[in-house]
Amino acid sequence: LTDVYCSSPALGRYFRSAQVVYFSNESSTVFYQLEFSVPPSTEGFMENTMNPDFIKNVLRQNIYDED
């Protein structure tokens, strides 16, 4: 995850770290905590760039690009 978000043109400059919060072998479930450094209030930044769907889609696109 660190490589994915560090190299993201949209999120790379804001990304700080990723860590595993929970991992389960039984269900193949992993929960991550992502840390971003957010600039001072910029109109629409939190609603658009830091939107959870946008952040997930950066990872999703990276997975599709790998295939």
PDB file of N, CA and C in Angstrom:
ATOM      1  N   LEU A   1       0.812  -1.197   0.000  1.00  0.00           N
ATOM      2  CA  LEU A   1       0.000   0.000   0.000  1.00  0.00           C
ATOM      3  C   LEU A   1       0.852   1.257   0.000  1.00  0.00           C
ATOM      4  N   THR A   2       1.950   1.209   0.688  1.00  0.00           N
ATOM      5  CA  THR A   2       2.810   2.381   0.740  1.00  0.00           C
ATOM      6  C   THR A   2       3.261   2.778  -0.658  1.00  0.00           C
ATOM      7  N   ASP A   3       3.682   1.811  -1.459  1.00  0.00           N
ATOM      8  CA  ASP A   3       4.120   2.108  -2.829  1.00  0.00           C
ATOM      9  C   ASP A   3       2.978   2.655  -3.676  1.00  0.00           C
ATOM     10  N   VAL A   4       1.801   2.091  -3.519  1.00  0.00           N
ATOM     11  CA  VAL A   4       0.635   2.520  -4.303  1.00  0.00           C
ATOM     12  C   VAL A   4       0.337   3.985  -4.031  1.00  0.00           C
ATOM     13  N   TYR A   5       0.235   4.349  -2.772  1.00  0.00           N
ATOM     14  CA  TYR A   5      -0.162   5.712  -2.437  1.00  0.00           C
ATOM     15  C   TYR A   5       0.986   6.714  -2.577  1.00  0.00           C
ATOM     16  N   CYS A   6       2.226   6.290  -2.346  1.00  0.00           N
ATOM     17  CA  CYS A   6       3.367   7.195  -2.542  1.00  0.00           C
ATOM     18  C   CYS A   6       3.518   7.572  -4.014  1.00  0.00           C
ATOM     19  N   SER A   7       3.223   6.633  -4.904  1.00  0.00           N
ATOM     20  CA  SER A   7       3.401   6.890  -6.335  1.00  0.00           C
ATOM     21  C   SER A   7       2.152   7.459  -7.006  1.00  0.00           C
ATOM     22  N   SER A   8       1.084   7.634  -6.263  1.00  0.00           N
ATOM     23  CA  SER A   8      -0.151   8.178  -6.823  1.00  0.00           C
ATOM     24  C   SER A   8       0.018   9.656  -7.163  1.00  0.00           C
ATOM     25  N   PRO A   9      -0.256  10.040  -8.420  1.00  0.00           N
ATOM     26  CA  PRO A   9      -0.174  11.458  -8.774  1.00  0.00           C
ATOM     27  C   PRO A   9      -1.140  12.325  -7.950  1.00  0.00           C
ATOM     28  N   ALA A  10      -2.279  11.773  -7.596  1.00  0.00           N
ATOM     29  CA  ALA A  10      -3.286  12.546  -6.865  1.00  0.00           C
ATOM     30  C   ALA A  10      -3.030  12.589  -5.362  1.00  0.00           C
ATOM     31  N   LEU A  11      -2.494  11.497  -4.797  1.00  0.00           N
ATOM     32  CA  LEU A  11      -2.382  11.405  -3.343  1.00  0.00           C
ATOM     33  C   LEU A  11      -0.955  11.328  -2.812  1.00  0.00           C
ATOM     34  N   GLY A  12       0.009  11.095  -3.664  1.00  0.00           N
ATOM     35  CA  GLY A  12       1.388  10.866  -3.230  1.00  0.00           C
ATOM     36  C   GLY A  12       1.958  11.942  -2.331  1.00  0.00           C
ATOM     37  N   ARG A  13       1.693  13.200  -2.648  1.00  0.00           N
ATOM     38  CA  ARG A  13       2.267  14.290  -1.841  1.00  0.00           C
ATOM     39  C   ARG A  13       1.625  14.409  -0.461  1.00  0.00           C
ATOM     40  N   TYR A  14       0.454  13.804  -0.284  1.00  0.00           N
ATOM     41  CA  TYR A  14      -0.248  13.876   1.006  1.00  0.00           C
ATOM     42  C   TYR A  14      -0.066  12.619   1.852  1.00  0.00           C
ATOM     43  N   PHE A  15       0.307  11.515   1.216  1.00  0.00           N
ATOM     44  CA  PHE A  15       0.392  10.226   1.911  1.00  0.00           C
ATOM     45  C   PHE A  15       1.554  10.210   2.886  1.00  0.00           C
ATOM     46  N   ARG A  16       1.308   9.674   4.086  1.00  0.00           N
ATOM     47  CA  ARG A  16       2.354   9.571   5.104  1.00  0.00           C
ATOM     48  C   ARG A  16       2.651   8.130   5.498  1.00  0.00           C
ATOM     49  N   SER A  17       1.622   7.308   5.752  1.00  0.00           N
ATOM     50  CA  SER A  17       1.897   5.936   6.195  1.00  0.00           C
ATOM     51  C   SER A  17       0.674   5.045   6.056  1.00  0.00           C
ATOM     52  N   ALA A  18       0.942   3.739   6.112  1.00  0.00           N
ATOM     53  CA  ALA A  18      -0.118   2.727   6.120  1.00  0.00           C
ATOM     54  C   ALA A  18       0.283   1.674   7.138  1.00  0.00           C
ATOM     55  N   GLN A  19      -0.675   1.234   7.927  1.00  0.00           N
ATOM     56  CA  GLN A  19      -0.385   0.168   8.882  1.00  0.00           C
ATOM     57  C   GLN A  19      -1.576  -0.771   8.995  1.00  0.00           C
ATOM     58  N   VAL A  20      -1.280  -2.025   9.294  1.00  0.00           N
ATOM     59  CA  VAL A  20      -2.321  -3.028   9.473  1.00  0.00           C
ATOM     60  C   VAL A  20      -2.926  -2.849  10.863  1.00  0.00           C
ATOM     61  N   VAL A  21      -4.246  -2.720  10.899  1.00  0.00           N
ATOM     62  CA  VAL A  21      -4.959  -2.575  12.162  1.00  0.00           C
ATOM     63  C   VAL A  21      -5.519  -3.921  12.603  1.00  0.00           C
ATOM     64  N   TYR A  22      -5.951  -4.725  11.634  1.00  0.00           N
ATOM     65  CA  TYR A  22      -6.557  -6.027  11.928  1.00  0.00           C
ATOM     66  C   TYR A  22      -6.282  -6.960  10.758  1.00  0.00           C
ATOM     67  N   PHE A  23      -5.960  -8.219  11.065  1.00  0.00           N
ATOM     68  CA  PHE A  23      -5.715  -9.217  10.034  1.00  0.00           C
ATOM     69  C   PHE A  23      -6.340 -10.540  10.462  1.00  0.00           C
ATOM     70  N   SER A  24      -7.077 -11.182   9.545  1.00  0.00           N
ATOM     71  CA  SER A  24      -7.694 -12.470   9.825  1.00  0.00           C
ATOM     72  C   SER A  24      -7.379 -13.454   8.714  1.00  0.00           C
ATOM     73  N   ASN A  25      -6.713 -14.540   9.067  1.00  0.00           N
ATOM     74  CA  ASN A  25      -6.448 -15.605   8.086  1.00  0.00           C
ATOM     75  C   ASN A  25      -7.725 -16.337   7.715  1.00  0.00           C
ATOM     76  N   GLU A  26      -8.642 -16.460   8.663  1.00  0.00           N
ATOM     77  CA  GLU A  26      -9.869 -17.214   8.423  1.00  0.00           C
ATOM     78  C   GLU A  26     -10.717 -16.616   7.315  1.00  0.00           C
ATOM     79  N   SER A  27     -10.881 -15.326   7.321  1.00  0.00           N
ATOM     80  CA  SER A  27     -11.749 -14.681   6.336  1.00  0.00           C
ATOM     81  C   SER A  27     -10.971 -13.881   5.287  1.00  0.00           C
ATOM     82  N   SER A  28      -9.636 -13.951   5.340  1.00  0.00           N
ATOM     83  CA  SER A  28      -8.786 -13.172   4.425  1.00  0.00           C
ATOM     84  C   SER A  28      -9.146 -11.694   4.473  1.00  0.00           C
ATOM     85  N   THR A  29      -9.325 -11.193   5.666  1.00  0.00           N
ATOM     86  CA  THR A  29      -9.703  -9.800   5.873  1.00  0.00           C
ATOM     87  C   THR A  29      -8.545  -9.032   6.478  1.00  0.00           C
ATOM     88  N   VAL A  30      -8.298  -7.851   5.932  1.00  0.00           N
ATOM     89  CA  VAL A  30      -7.279  -6.965   6.471  1.00  0.00           C
ATOM     90  C   VAL A  30      -7.871  -5.565   6.566  1.00  0.00           C
ATOM     91  N   PHE A  31      -7.707  -4.923   7.700  1.00  0.00           N
ATOM     92  CA  PHE A  31      -8.097  -3.534   7.866  1.00  0.00           C
ATOM     93  C   PHE A  31      -6.818  -2.714   7.987  1.00  0.00           C
ATOM     94  N   TYR A  32      -6.738  -1.648   7.212  1.00  0.00           N
ATOM     95  CA  TYR A  32      -5.582  -0.770   7.224  1.00  0.00           C
ATOM     96  C   TYR A  32      -5.967   0.602   7.730  1.00  0.00           C
ATOM     97  N   GLN A  33      -4.989   1.258   8.319  1.00  0.00           N
ATOM     98  CA  GLN A  33      -5.148   2.664   8.662  1.00  0.00           C
ATOM     99  C   GLN A  33      -4.191   3.433   7.761  1.00  0.00           C
ATOM    100  N   LEU A  34      -4.727   4.348   6.989  1.00  0.00           N
ATOM    101  CA  LEU A  34      -3.925   5.186   6.116  1.00  0.00           C
ATOM    102  C   LEU A  34      -3.810   6.565   6.735  1.00  0.00           C
ATOM    103  N   GLU A  35      -2.618   7.133   6.707  1.00  0.00           N
ATOM    104  CA  GLU A  35      -2.407   8.468   7.267  1.00  0.00           C
ATOM    105  C   GLU A  35      -1.984   9.417   6.160  1.00  0.00           C
ATOM    106  N   PHE A  36      -2.683  10.536   6.084  1.00  0.00           N
ATOM    107  CA  PHE A  36      -2.395  11.571   5.103  1.00  0.00           C
ATOM    108  C   PHE A  36      -2.141  12.887   5.828  1.00  0.00           C
ATOM    109  N   SER A  37      -1.273  13.703   5.272  1.00  0.00           N
ATOM    110  CA  SER A  37      -1.039  15.044   5.769  1.00  0.00           C
ATOM    111  C   SER A  37      -1.881  15.979   4.909  1.00  0.00           C
ATOM    112  N   VAL A  38      -2.848  16.602   5.521  1.00  0.00           N
ATOM    113  CA  VAL A  38      -3.813  17.416   4.787  1.00  0.00           C
ATOM    114  C   VAL A  38      -3.420  18.884   4.877  1.00  0.00           C
ATOM    115  N   PRO A  39      -3.423  19.581   3.725  1.00  0.00           N
ATOM    116  CA  PRO A  39      -3.073  21.005   3.750  1.00  0.00           C
ATOM    117  C   PRO A  39      -4.148  21.813   4.473  1.00  0.00           C
ATOM    118  N   PRO A  40      -3.819  23.053   4.818  1.00  0.00           N
ATOM    119  CA  PRO A  40      -4.836  23.913   5.426  1.00  0.00           C
ATOM    120  C   PRO A  40      -6.085  23.944   4.542  1.00  0.00           C
ATOM    121  N   SER A  41      -7.175  24.209   5.142  1.00  0.00           N
ATOM    122  CA  SER A  41      -8.466  24.164   4.466  1.00  0.00           C
ATOM    123  C   SER A  41      -8.429  24.742   3.052  1.00  0.00           C
ATOM    124  N   THR A  42      -8.696  23.876   2.101  1.00  0.00           N
ATOM    125  CA  THR A  42      -8.796  24.259   0.698  1.00  0.00           C
ATOM    126  C   THR A  42     -10.187  23.856   0.252  1.00  0.00           C
ATOM    127  N   GLU A  43     -10.862  24.747  -0.412  1.00  0.00           N
ATOM    128  CA  GLU A  43     -12.244  24.484  -0.813  1.00  0.00           C
ATOM    129  C   GLU A  43     -12.359  23.187  -1.608  1.00  0.00           C
ATOM    130  N   GLY A  44     -13.167  22.272  -1.112  1.00  0.00           N
ATOM    131  CA  GLY A  44     -13.448  21.027  -1.803  1.00  0.00           C
ATOM    132  C   GLY A  44     -12.406  19.930  -1.614  1.00  0.00           C
ATOM    133  N   PHE A  45     -11.290  20.216  -0.957  1.00  0.00           N
ATOM    134  CA  PHE A  45     -10.221  19.222  -0.829  1.00  0.00           C
ATOM    135  C   PHE A  45     -10.690  17.983  -0.079  1.00  0.00           C
ATOM    136  N   MET A  46     -11.267  18.171   1.093  1.00  0.00           N
ATOM    137  CA  MET A  46     -11.694  17.025   1.891  1.00  0.00           C
ATOM    138  C   MET A  46     -12.848  16.284   1.226  1.00  0.00           C
ATOM    139  N   GLU A  47     -13.741  16.996   0.591  1.00  0.00           N
ATOM    140  CA  GLU A  47     -14.894  16.365  -0.048  1.00  0.00           C
ATOM    141  C   GLU A  47     -14.502  15.598  -1.306  1.00  0.00           C
ATOM    142  N   ASN A  48     -13.458  16.042  -1.988  1.00  0.00           N
ATOM    143  CA  ASN A  48     -13.083  15.419  -3.261  1.00  0.00           C
ATOM    144  C   ASN A  48     -11.853  14.529  -3.148  1.00  0.00           C
ATOM    145  N   THR A  49     -10.704  15.105  -2.860  1.00  0.00           N
ATOM    146  CA  THR A  49      -9.455  14.346  -2.844  1.00  0.00           C
ATOM    147  C   THR A  49      -9.412  13.350  -1.692  1.00  0.00           C
ATOM    148  N   MET A  50      -9.891  13.736  -0.524  1.00  0.00           N
ATOM    149  CA  MET A  50      -9.850  12.840   0.627  1.00  0.00           C
ATOM    150  C   MET A  50     -11.141  12.051   0.797  1.00  0.00           C
ATOM    151  N   ASN A  51     -11.948  12.024  -0.219  1.00  0.00           N
ATOM    152  CA  ASN A  51     -13.178  11.233  -0.223  1.00  0.00           C
ATOM    153  C   ASN A  51     -12.803   9.757  -0.126  1.00  0.00           C
ATOM    154  N   PRO A  52     -13.387   8.991   0.798  1.00  0.00           N
ATOM    155  CA  PRO A  52     -13.048   7.567   0.943  1.00  0.00           C
ATOM    156  C   PRO A  52     -13.185   6.773  -0.369  1.00  0.00           C
ATOM    157  N   ASP A  53     -14.182   7.080  -1.165  1.00  0.00           N
ATOM    158  CA  ASP A  53     -14.332   6.376  -2.441  1.00  0.00           C
ATOM    159  C   ASP A  53     -13.172   6.677  -3.379  1.00  0.00           C
ATOM    160  N   PHE A  54     -12.730   7.913  -3.412  1.00  0.00           N
ATOM    161  CA  PHE A  54     -11.598   8.288  -4.257  1.00  0.00           C
ATOM    162  C   PHE A  54     -10.339   7.549  -3.813  1.00  0.00           C
ATOM    163  N   ILE A  55     -10.107   7.495  -2.501  1.00  0.00           N
ATOM    164  CA  ILE A  55      -8.929   6.811  -1.960  1.00  0.00           C
ATOM    165  C   ILE A  55      -8.974   5.324  -2.296  1.00  0.00           C
ATOM    166  N   LYS A  56     -10.149   4.691  -2.162  1.00  0.00           N
ATOM    167  CA  LYS A  56     -10.296   3.275  -2.528  1.00  0.00           C
ATOM    168  C   LYS A  56     -10.058   3.073  -4.022  1.00  0.00           C
ATOM    169  N   ASN A  57     -10.531   3.997  -4.832  1.00  0.00           N
ATOM    170  CA  ASN A  57     -10.388   3.856  -6.275  1.00  0.00           C
ATOM    171  C   ASN A  57      -8.941   3.975  -6.739  1.00  0.00           C
ATOM    172  N   VAL A  58      -8.115   4.704  -6.023  1.00  0.00           N
ATOM    173  CA  VAL A  58      -6.689   4.759  -6.342  1.00  0.00           C
ATOM    174  C   VAL A  58      -6.091   3.364  -6.187  1.00  0.00           C
ATOM    175  N   LEU A  59      -6.423   2.675  -5.100  1.00  0.00           N
ATOM    176  CA  LEU A  59      -5.945   1.306  -4.891  1.00  0.00           C
ATOM    177  C   LEU A  59      -6.539   0.366  -5.932  1.00  0.00           C
ATOM    178  N   ARG A  60      -7.817   0.476  -6.172  1.00  0.00           N
ATOM    179  CA  ARG A  60      -8.505  -0.375  -7.152  1.00  0.00           C
ATOM    180  C   ARG A  60      -7.870  -0.220  -8.541  1.00  0.00           C
ATOM    181  N   GLN A  61      -7.581   1.004  -8.946  1.00  0.00           N
ATOM    182  CA  GLN A  61      -6.971   1.240 -10.265  1.00  0.00           C
ATOM    183  C   GLN A  61      -5.596   0.603 -10.335  1.00  0.00           C
ATOM    184  N   ASN A  62      -4.836   0.680  -9.239  1.00  0.00           N
ATOM    185  CA  ASN A  62      -3.518   0.062  -9.210  1.00  0.00           C
ATOM    186  C   ASN A  62      -3.621  -1.445  -9.381  1.00  0.00           C
ATOM    187  N   ILE A  63      -4.611  -2.054  -8.760  1.00  0.00           N
ATOM    188  CA  ILE A  63      -4.808  -3.507  -8.895  1.00  0.00           C
ATOM    189  C   ILE A  63      -5.162  -3.863 -10.329  1.00  0.00           C
ATOM    190  N   TYR A  64      -6.057  -3.087 -10.949  1.00  0.00           N
ATOM    191  CA  TYR A  64      -6.423  -3.327 -12.348  1.00  0.00           C
ATOM    192  C   TYR A  64      -5.219  -3.156 -13.271  1.00  0.00           C
ATOM    193  N   ASP A  65      -4.386  -2.161 -12.997  1.00  0.00           N
ATOM    194  CA  ASP A  65      -3.199  -1.922 -13.822  1.00  0.00           C
ATOM    195  C   ASP A  65      -2.197  -3.067 -13.736  1.00  0.00           C
ATOM    196  N   GLU A  66      -2.158  -3.758 -12.591  1.00  0.00           N
ATOM    197  CA  GLU A  66      -1.250  -4.892 -12.408  1.00  0.00           C
ATOM    198  C   GLU A  66      -1.655  -6.090 -13.253  1.00  0.00           C
ATOM    199  N   ASP A  67      -2.959  -6.225 -13.513  1.00  0.00           N
ATOM    200  CA  ASP A  67      -3.455  -7.372 -14.287  1.00  0.00           C
ATOM    201  C   ASP A  67      -3.196  -7.190 -15.709  1.00  0.00           C
TER     202      ASP A  67
END
